[in-house]
Amino acid sequence: RVNSTKFQPVMSFPVDLAGDDWNLIVRPVFQFQSVPLDKDVGELFGVSETDIIADPDLSQIAQNAFDGRTNGFGDTALLTLLGPDRLDGFIWGAGISQIFPTAGEDVLGQGKWQAGPAALIARLAPDVGGFNLGALVQHWWSYAGDGDREDTSQTDIQYFINYRLTKTSLVGMTPNIRINWEANNDDKLTLPVGLGYSNVYKIGPLPIRLAAEFQYSLIKPDNVGTDWNFRFLFIPVIPNPFAR
């Protein structure tokens, strides 16, 4: 079982482009990971099978790979999008996404500096009884990093389909489709679906959106993949100090 706790504040800054109102959206993602692997498994990255057989220490690590659990900080991501400020419920933006190799242990990250394009498109329901639909697409290629780690080319598509039950409550799903273009054909795609509920509550004067969602992978890698996933979100809604 893999546990991942993420802190991802979304910050919006108004931008004036040629007399039109636009928004610059910045979202860093800091994560704390817990994986069912001994931290010494990182010494096997980039090592061939013959090296493992020949070296008794490496062979011992391979035999006991799942005997421990490693906890610590994972890689850090940074999403930057620019899009027009619209009030009609149709939202779009484009920009770049980056991943930085900040993991405390090799088994908690990919060991690569990565960057690529990002795009957001969404249609928000104006009234109760409508659907919020959209997707955030990000792709990363590695351009530097640990020479013992494999190069990366990967896509993440977070799509959302939510039905507005009330002005603040939603039911639906927000899974992440993942495509590893460097993997074998049977291991490239992870395709989950889900069902969850979210609503806004108040803690004193501060609105908090709470959400819980179960997800199941219809398609997953043959070797290493996730069948079930549970996601819980705690989202304080803080007024934007940069809003016009």
C-alpha atoms as a PDB file:
ATOM      1  CA  ARG A   1       0.000   0.000   0.000  1.00  0.00           C
ATOM      2  CA  VAL A   2       1.331   3.428  -1.003  1.00  0.00           C
ATOM      3  CA  ASN A   3       0.296   6.483   1.037  1.00  0.00           C
ATOM      4  CA  SER A   4       0.750   9.965  -0.381  1.00  0.00           C
ATOM      5  CA  THR A   5      -0.002  13.248   1.398  1.00  0.00           C
ATOM      6  CA  LYS A   6       0.110  16.307  -0.833  1.00  0.00           C
ATOM      7  CA  PHE A   7       0.073  20.022  -0.095  1.00  0.00           C
ATOM      8  CA  GLN A   8      -0.846  21.946  -3.243  1.00  0.00           C
ATOM      9  CA  PRO A   9      -1.881  25.576  -2.767  1.00  0.00           C
ATOM     10  CA  VAL A  10      -3.438  27.229  -5.824  1.00  0.00           C
ATOM     11  CA  MET A  11      -2.465  30.888  -6.239  1.00  0.00           C
ATOM     12  CA  SER A  12      -4.003  33.208  -8.821  1.00  0.00           C
ATOM     13  CA  PHE A  13      -2.506  36.526  -9.928  1.00  0.00           C
ATOM     14  CA  PRO A  14      -4.311  39.051 -12.184  1.00  0.00           C
ATOM     15  CA  VAL A  15      -2.468  39.947 -15.394  1.00  0.00           C
ATOM     16  CA  ASP A  16      -3.308  42.703 -17.892  1.00  0.00           C
ATOM     17  CA  LEU A  17      -2.565  41.604 -21.476  1.00  0.00           C
ATOM     18  CA  ALA A  18      -3.308  44.096 -24.233  1.00  0.00           C
ATOM     19  CA  GLY A  19      -6.101  45.592 -22.145  1.00  0.00           C
ATOM     20  CA  ASP A  20      -7.746  42.253 -21.354  1.00  0.00           C
ATOM     21  CA  ASP A  21      -7.956  40.620 -17.914  1.00  0.00           C
ATOM     22  CA  TRP A  22      -6.065  37.325 -17.587  1.00  0.00           C
ATOM     23  CA  ASN A  23      -5.087  35.121 -14.641  1.00  0.00           C
ATOM     24  CA  LEU A  24      -1.690  33.591 -13.922  1.00  0.00           C
ATOM     25  CA  ILE A  25      -2.277  30.429 -11.889  1.00  0.00           C
ATOM     26  CA  VAL A  26       0.606  28.874  -9.949  1.00  0.00           C
ATOM     27  CA  ARG A  27       0.259  25.526  -8.158  1.00  0.00           C
ATOM     28  CA  PRO A  28       3.236  23.897  -6.443  1.00  0.00           C
ATOM     29  CA  VAL A  29       2.799  20.323  -5.214  1.00  0.00           C
ATOM     30  CA  PHE A  30       4.781  19.174  -2.177  1.00  0.00           C
ATOM     31  CA  GLN A  31       4.329  15.553  -1.185  1.00  0.00           C
ATOM     32  CA  PHE A  32       5.153  13.204   1.666  1.00  0.00           C
ATOM     33  CA  GLN A  33       5.354   9.582   0.542  1.00  0.00           C
ATOM     34  CA  SER A  34       5.188   6.226   2.295  1.00  0.00           C
ATOM     35  CA  VAL A  35       6.029   3.180   0.138  1.00  0.00           C
ATOM     36  CA  PRO A  36       6.309  -0.549   1.012  1.00  0.00           C
ATOM     37  CA  LEU A  37       9.975  -0.737  -0.013  1.00  0.00           C
ATOM     38  CA  ASP A  38      13.209  -0.752   1.937  1.00  0.00           C
ATOM     39  CA  LYS A  39      15.156   2.445   1.262  1.00  0.00           C
ATOM     40  CA  ASP A  40      18.222   0.399   0.216  1.00  0.00           C
ATOM     41  CA  VAL A  41      16.304  -0.729  -2.885  1.00  0.00           C
ATOM     42  CA  GLY A  42      17.475   2.560  -4.386  1.00  0.00           C
ATOM     43  CA  GLU A  43      20.942   1.007  -4.713  1.00  0.00           C
ATOM     44  CA  LEU A  44      19.503  -1.350  -7.356  1.00  0.00           C
ATOM     45  CA  PHE A  45      18.454   1.449  -9.714  1.00  0.00           C
ATOM     46  CA  GLY A  46      20.587   1.297 -12.851  1.00  0.00           C
ATOM     47  CA  VAL A  47      22.166  -2.022 -11.827  1.00  0.00           C
ATOM     48  CA  SER A  48      21.937  -5.027 -14.149  1.00  0.00           C
ATOM     49  CA  GLU A  49      20.663  -8.453 -13.099  1.00  0.00           C
ATOM     50  CA  THR A  50      24.140  -9.958 -13.505  1.00  0.00           C
ATOM     51  CA  ASP A  51      25.579  -7.343 -11.126  1.00  0.00           C
ATOM     52  CA  ILE A  52      22.967  -8.241  -8.529  1.00  0.00           C
ATOM     53  CA  ILE A  53      23.753 -11.947  -8.798  1.00  0.00           C
ATOM     54  CA  ALA A  54      27.498 -11.323  -8.572  1.00  0.00           C
ATOM     55  CA  ASP A  55      27.307  -8.972  -5.572  1.00  0.00           C
ATOM     56  CA  PRO A  56      25.971 -10.673  -2.403  1.00  0.00           C
ATOM     57  CA  ASP A  57      25.061  -7.317  -0.820  1.00  0.00           C
ATOM     58  CA  LEU A  58      22.929  -6.312  -3.803  1.00  0.00           C
ATOM     59  CA  SER A  59      21.423  -9.785  -3.914  1.00  0.00           C
ATOM     60  CA  GLN A  60      20.436  -9.481  -0.253  1.00  0.00           C
ATOM     61  CA  ILE A  61      18.764  -6.111  -0.937  1.00  0.00           C
ATOM     62  CA  ALA A  62      16.775  -7.606  -3.800  1.00  0.00           C
ATOM     63  CA  GLN A  63      15.604 -10.527  -1.669  1.00  0.00           C
ATOM     64  CA  ASN A  64      14.465  -8.254   1.165  1.00  0.00           C
ATOM     65  CA  ALA A  65      13.096  -5.407  -0.972  1.00  0.00           C
ATOM     66  CA  PHE A  66       9.617  -5.514   0.577  1.00  0.00           C
ATOM     67  CA  ASP A  67      10.661  -6.161   4.181  1.00  0.00           C
ATOM     68  CA  GLY A  68      10.602  -2.503   5.184  1.00  0.00           C
ATOM     69  CA  ARG A  69       8.722   0.746   4.534  1.00  0.00           C
ATOM     70  CA  THR A  70      10.279   4.052   3.516  1.00  0.00           C
ATOM     71  CA  ASN A  71       8.780   7.408   4.494  1.00  0.00           C
ATOM     72  CA  GLY A  72       9.870  10.856   3.423  1.00  0.00           C
ATOM     73  CA  PHE A  73       9.506  13.738   1.019  1.00  0.00           C
ATOM     74  CA  GLY A  74       8.925  12.927  -2.636  1.00  0.00           C
ATOM     75  CA  ASP A  75       9.554  14.906  -5.804  1.00  0.00           C
ATOM     76  CA  THR A  76       8.104  18.432  -6.074  1.00  0.00           C
ATOM     77  CA  ALA A  77       5.964  19.611  -8.997  1.00  0.00           C
ATOM     78  CA  LEU A  78       5.160  23.133 -10.193  1.00  0.00           C
ATOM     79  CA  LEU A  79       2.261  23.933 -12.522  1.00  0.00           C
ATOM     80  CA  THR A  80       1.991  27.384 -14.145  1.00  0.00           C
ATOM     81  CA  LEU A  81      -1.029  28.308 -16.298  1.00  0.00           C
ATOM     82  CA  LEU A  82      -2.148  31.490 -18.024  1.00  0.00           C
ATOM     83  CA  GLY A  83      -5.762  31.961 -19.098  1.00  0.00           C
ATOM     84  CA  PRO A  84      -8.406  34.656 -19.621  1.00  0.00           C
ATOM     85  CA  ASP A  85     -10.546  35.841 -16.729  1.00  0.00           C
ATOM     86  CA  ARG A  86     -14.030  34.643 -17.708  1.00  0.00           C
ATOM     87  CA  LEU A  87     -17.364  34.771 -15.920  1.00  0.00           C
ATOM     88  CA  ASP A  88     -19.390  32.530 -18.260  1.00  0.00           C
ATOM     89  CA  GLY A  89     -18.298  29.229 -16.673  1.00  0.00           C
ATOM     90  CA  PHE A  90     -15.994  28.285 -19.563  1.00  0.00           C
ATOM     91  CA  ILE A  91     -12.402  28.157 -18.300  1.00  0.00           C
ATOM     92  CA  TRP A  92      -9.207  27.431 -20.172  1.00  0.00           C
ATOM     93  CA  GLY A  93      -5.507  27.974 -19.698  1.00  0.00           C
ATOM     94  CA  ALA A  94      -2.133  26.853 -21.034  1.00  0.00           C
ATOM     95  CA  GLY A  95       1.359  26.813 -19.620  1.00  0.00           C
ATOM     96  CA  ILE A  96       4.159  24.589 -18.387  1.00  0.00           C
ATOM     97  CA  SER A  97       4.571  21.934 -15.712  1.00  0.00           C
ATOM     98  CA  GLN A  98       7.811  20.909 -14.017  1.00  0.00           C
ATOM     99  CA  ILE A  99       8.986  18.144 -11.668  1.00  0.00           C
ATOM    100  CA  PHE A 100      12.032  18.608  -9.448  1.00  0.00           C
ATOM    101  CA  PRO A 101      13.969  15.645  -7.914  1.00  0.00           C
ATOM    102  CA  THR A 102      13.571  16.608  -4.250  1.00  0.00           C
ATOM    103  CA  ALA A 103      12.866  13.104  -2.891  1.00  0.00           C
ATOM    104  CA  GLY A 104      14.671  12.242   0.316  1.00  0.00           C
ATOM    105  CA  GLU A 105      15.285   8.648  -0.818  1.00  0.00           C
ATOM    106  CA  ASP A 106      15.689   7.166  -4.291  1.00  0.00           C
ATOM    107  CA  VAL A 107      12.628   4.924  -3.855  1.00  0.00           C
ATOM    108  CA  LEU A 108      10.442   7.987  -3.176  1.00  0.00           C
ATOM    109  CA  GLY A 109      11.109   9.801  -6.464  1.00  0.00           C
ATOM    110  CA  GLN A 110      12.224   9.528 -10.064  1.00  0.00           C
ATOM    111  CA  GLY A 111      15.587  11.241  -9.737  1.00  0.00           C
ATOM    112  CA  LYS A 112      15.028  13.401 -12.825  1.00  0.00           C
ATOM    113  CA  TRP A 113      14.500  17.067 -13.682  1.00  0.00           C
ATOM    114  CA  GLN A 114      11.411  17.136 -15.896  1.00  0.00           C
ATOM    115  CA  ALA A 115       9.363  19.718 -17.796  1.00  0.00           C
ATOM    116  CA  GLY A 116       6.656  19.912 -20.432  1.00  0.00           C
ATOM    117  CA  PRO A 117       3.405  21.559 -21.541  1.00  0.00           C
ATOM    118  CA  ALA A 118       0.168  21.806 -19.573  1.00  0.00           C
ATOM    119  CA  ALA A 119      -3.392  22.747 -20.494  1.00  0.00           C
ATOM    120  CA  LEU A 120      -6.689  23.148 -18.654  1.00  0.00           C
ATOM    121  CA  ILE A 121     -10.177  23.221 -20.110  1.00  0.00           C
ATOM    122  CA  ALA A 122     -13.379  23.181 -18.053  1.00  0.00           C
ATOM    123  CA  ARG A 123     -17.075  23.947 -18.253  1.00  0.00           C
ATOM    124  CA  LEU A 124     -18.673  24.775 -14.905  1.00  0.00           C
ATOM    125  CA  ALA A 125     -22.404  24.354 -14.354  1.00  0.00           C
ATOM    126  CA  PRO A 126     -24.052  27.745 -13.709  1.00  0.00           C
ATOM    127  CA  ASP A 127     -26.968  26.257 -11.758  1.00  0.00           C
ATOM    128  CA  VAL A 128     -27.901  23.353  -9.490  1.00  0.00           C
ATOM    129  CA  GLY A 129     -28.665  20.256 -11.534  1.00  0.00           C
ATOM    130  CA  GLY A 130     -25.851  20.769 -14.041  1.00  0.00           C
ATOM    131  CA  PHE A 131     -22.476  19.133 -14.572  1.00  0.00           C
ATOM    132  CA  ASN A 132     -18.947  20.407 -14.064  1.00  0.00           C
ATOM    133  CA  LEU A 133     -16.789  18.902 -16.821  1.00  0.00           C
ATOM    134  CA  GLY A 134     -13.129  19.338 -17.614  1.00  0.00           C
ATOM    135  CA  ALA A 135      -9.577  18.060 -17.725  1.00  0.00           C
ATOM    136  CA  LEU A 136      -6.091  19.161 -16.703  1.00  0.00           C
ATOM    137  CA  VAL A 137      -3.452  17.645 -19.000  1.00  0.00           C
ATOM    138  CA  GLN A 138       0.257  17.649 -18.127  1.00  0.00           C
ATOM    139  CA  HIS A 139       3.211  16.021 -19.867  1.00  0.00           C
ATOM    140  CA  TRP A 140       6.819  15.783 -18.721  1.00  0.00           C
ATOM    141  CA  TRP A 141      10.099  14.830 -20.398  1.00  0.00           C
ATOM    142  CA  SER A 142      13.273  14.404 -18.381  1.00  0.00           C
ATOM    143  CA  TYR A 143      16.193  16.636 -19.363  1.00  0.00           C
ATOM    144  CA  ALA A 144      18.695  16.097 -16.525  1.00  0.00           C
ATOM    145  CA  GLY A 145      19.182  14.185 -13.313  1.00  0.00           C
ATOM    146  CA  ASP A 146      20.554  10.921 -11.992  1.00  0.00           C
ATOM    147  CA  GLY A 147      22.301   9.052 -14.817  1.00  0.00           C
ATOM    148  CA  ASP A 148      21.426   5.705 -13.202  1.00  0.00           C
ATOM    149  CA  ARG A 149      17.693   6.375 -13.535  1.00  0.00           C
ATOM    150  CA  GLU A 150      15.656   5.835 -16.674  1.00  0.00           C
ATOM    151  CA  ASP A 151      14.634   8.818 -18.794  1.00  0.00           C
ATOM    152  CA  THR A 152      10.983   9.806 -18.489  1.00  0.00           C
ATOM    153  CA  SER A 153       8.199  10.688 -20.893  1.00  0.00           C
ATOM    154  CA  GLN A 154       4.891  10.653 -19.063  1.00  0.00           C
ATOM    155  CA  THR A 155       1.430  12.159 -19.252  1.00  0.00           C
ATOM    156  CA  ASP A 156      -1.069  12.863 -16.481  1.00  0.00           C
ATOM    157  CA  ILE A 157      -4.699  13.665 -17.341  1.00  0.00           C
ATOM    158  CA  GLN A 158      -6.861  14.629 -14.377  1.00  0.00           C
ATOM    159  CA  TYR A 159     -10.429  14.633 -15.650  1.00  0.00           C
ATOM    160  CA  PHE A 160     -13.472  15.575 -13.615  1.00  0.00           C
ATOM    161  CA  ILE A 161     -17.180  14.895 -13.988  1.00  0.00           C
ATOM    162  CA  ASN A 162     -19.240  16.304 -11.128  1.00  0.00           C
ATOM    163  CA  TYR A 163     -22.987  16.837 -10.730  1.00  0.00           C
ATOM    164  CA  ARG A 164     -24.151  19.839  -8.695  1.00  0.00           C
ATOM    165  CA  LEU A 165     -26.587  18.588  -6.055  1.00  0.00           C
ATOM    166  CA  THR A 166     -26.803  21.978  -4.339  1.00  0.00           C
ATOM    167  CA  LYS A 167     -24.963  25.287  -4.576  1.00  0.00           C
ATOM    168  CA  THR A 168     -21.994  23.796  -2.700  1.00  0.00           C
ATOM    169  CA  SER A 169     -22.284  19.990  -2.880  1.00  0.00           C
ATOM    170  CA  LEU A 170     -20.996  17.817  -5.720  1.00  0.00           C
ATOM    171  CA  VAL A 171     -21.064  14.116  -6.547  1.00  0.00           C
ATOM    172  CA  GLY A 172     -18.839  12.618  -9.222  1.00  0.00           C
ATOM    173  CA  MET A 173     -15.207  11.760  -9.854  1.00  0.00           C
ATOM    174  CA  THR A 174     -11.779  13.368 -10.396  1.00  0.00           C
ATOM    175  CA  PRO A 175      -9.345  10.530 -11.251  1.00  0.00           C
ATOM    176  CA  ASN A 176      -5.906  10.784 -12.859  1.00  0.00           C
ATOM    177  CA  ILE A 177      -5.186   8.920 -16.086  1.00  0.00           C
ATOM    178  CA  ARG A 178      -1.449   8.186 -16.333  1.00  0.00           C
ATOM    179  CA  ILE A 179       0.517   7.188 -19.405  1.00  0.00           C
ATOM    180  CA  ASN A 180       4.166   6.126 -19.172  1.00  0.00           C
ATOM    181  CA  TRP A 181       5.412   6.347 -22.762  1.00  0.00           C
ATOM    182  CA  GLU A 182       8.752   4.728 -21.856  1.00  0.00           C
ATOM    183  CA  ALA A 183       7.140   1.529 -20.537  1.00  0.00           C
ATOM    184  CA  ASN A 184       6.217  -1.618 -22.430  1.00  0.00           C
ATOM    185  CA  ASN A 185       2.819  -1.622 -24.138  1.00  0.00           C
ATOM    186  CA  ASP A 186       1.122  -3.588 -21.345  1.00  0.00           C
ATOM    187  CA  ASP A 187       2.503  -1.226 -18.697  1.00  0.00           C
ATOM    188  CA  LYS A 188       1.874   2.181 -20.278  1.00  0.00           C
ATOM    189  CA  LEU A 189      -1.669   3.057 -19.182  1.00  0.00           C
ATOM    190  CA  THR A 190      -3.454   3.517 -15.861  1.00  0.00           C
ATOM    191  CA  LEU A 191      -7.156   4.310 -16.387  1.00  0.00           C
ATOM    192  CA  PRO A 192      -9.211   4.812 -13.196  1.00  0.00           C
ATOM    193  CA  VAL A 193     -12.840   5.703 -12.586  1.00  0.00           C
ATOM    194  CA  GLY A 194     -14.309   6.850  -9.290  1.00  0.00           C
ATOM    195  CA  LEU A 195     -17.208   8.033  -7.207  1.00  0.00           C
ATOM    196  CA  GLY A 196     -17.062  10.664  -4.516  1.00  0.00           C
ATOM    197  CA  TYR A 197     -18.847  13.458  -2.699  1.00  0.00           C
ATOM    198  CA  SER A 198     -17.761  16.950  -1.671  1.00  0.00           C
ATOM    199  CA  ASN A 199     -19.337  19.887   0.115  1.00  0.00           C
ATOM    200  CA  VAL A 200     -18.373  23.181   1.741  1.00  0.00           C
ATOM    201  CA  TYR A 201     -18.455  23.558   5.524  1.00  0.00           C
ATOM    202  CA  LYS A 202     -17.423  26.386   7.802  1.00  0.00           C
ATOM    203  CA  ILE A 203     -14.870  26.348  10.588  1.00  0.00           C
ATOM    204  CA  GLY A 204     -15.539  29.706  12.174  1.00  0.00           C
ATOM    205  CA  PRO A 205     -15.531  32.251   9.320  1.00  0.00           C
ATOM    206  CA  LEU A 206     -13.359  30.047   7.056  1.00  0.00           C
ATOM    207  CA  PRO A 207     -15.093  27.954   4.361  1.00  0.00           C
ATOM    208  CA  ILE A 208     -13.594  24.463   3.968  1.00  0.00           C
ATOM    209  CA  ARG A 209     -14.332  22.098   1.085  1.00  0.00           C
ATOM    210  CA  LEU A 210     -14.157  18.462   2.182  1.00  0.00           C
ATOM    211  CA  ALA A 211     -14.163  15.672  -0.399  1.00  0.00           C
ATOM    212  CA  ALA A 212     -13.818  11.881  -0.339  1.00  0.00           C
ATOM    213  CA  GLU A 213     -13.613   9.591  -3.356  1.00  0.00           C
ATOM    214  CA  PHE A 214     -13.062   5.892  -4.083  1.00  0.00           C
ATOM    215  CA  GLN A 215     -11.341   5.025  -7.347  1.00  0.00           C
ATOM    216  CA  TYR A 216     -10.818   1.775  -9.251  1.00  0.00           C
ATOM    217  CA  SER A 217      -8.378   1.193 -12.122  1.00  0.00           C
ATOM    218  CA  LEU A 218     -10.095  -0.349 -15.143  1.00  0.00           C
ATOM    219  CA  ILE A 219      -6.681  -0.603 -16.818  1.00  0.00           C
ATOM    220  CA  LYS A 220      -3.357  -0.736 -14.987  1.00  0.00           C
ATOM    221  CA  PRO A 221       0.221  -1.886 -15.610  1.00  0.00           C
ATOM    222  CA  ASP A 222       0.744  -5.638 -15.399  1.00  0.00           C
ATOM    223  CA  ASN A 223       3.877  -5.417 -13.261  1.00  0.00           C
ATOM    224  CA  VAL A 224       3.228  -2.585 -10.796  1.00  0.00           C
ATOM    225  CA  GLY A 225      -0.196  -0.973 -10.645  1.00  0.00           C
ATOM    226  CA  THR A 226      -2.940   0.198  -8.300  1.00  0.00           C
ATOM    227  CA  ASP A 227      -6.312  -1.568  -8.157  1.00  0.00           C
ATOM    228  CA  TRP A 228      -8.059   0.657  -5.622  1.00  0.00           C
ATOM    229  CA  ASN A 229      -7.378   4.178  -4.445  1.00  0.00           C
ATOM    230  CA  PHE A 230      -8.998   6.342  -1.776  1.00  0.00           C
ATOM    231  CA  ARG A 231      -8.621  10.107  -1.913  1.00  0.00           C
ATOM    232  CA  PHE A 232      -9.509  12.606   0.805  1.00  0.00           C
ATOM    233  CA  LEU A 233      -9.250  16.360   0.253  1.00  0.00           C
ATOM    234  CA  PHE A 234      -9.221  19.199   2.781  1.00  0.00           C
ATOM    235  CA  ILE A 235      -9.405  22.531   0.923  1.00  0.00           C
ATOM    236  CA  PRO A 236      -9.545  25.837   2.842  1.00  0.00           C
ATOM    237  CA  VAL A 237     -11.113  28.553   0.676  1.00  0.00           C
ATOM    238  CA  ILE A 238      -9.049  31.670   1.320  1.00  0.00           C
ATOM    239  CA  PRO A 239      -9.931  35.015  -0.358  1.00  0.00           C
ATOM    240  CA  ASN A 240      -7.450  35.946  -3.079  1.00  0.00           C
ATOM    241  CA  PRO A 241      -5.446  38.958  -1.824  1.00  0.00           C
ATOM    242  CA  PHE A 242      -4.468  39.771  -5.425  1.00  0.00           C
ATOM    243  CA  ALA A 243      -8.005  39.856  -6.839  1.00  0.00           C
ATOM    244  CA  ARG A 244      -9.088  43.034  -8.551  1.00  0.00           C
END
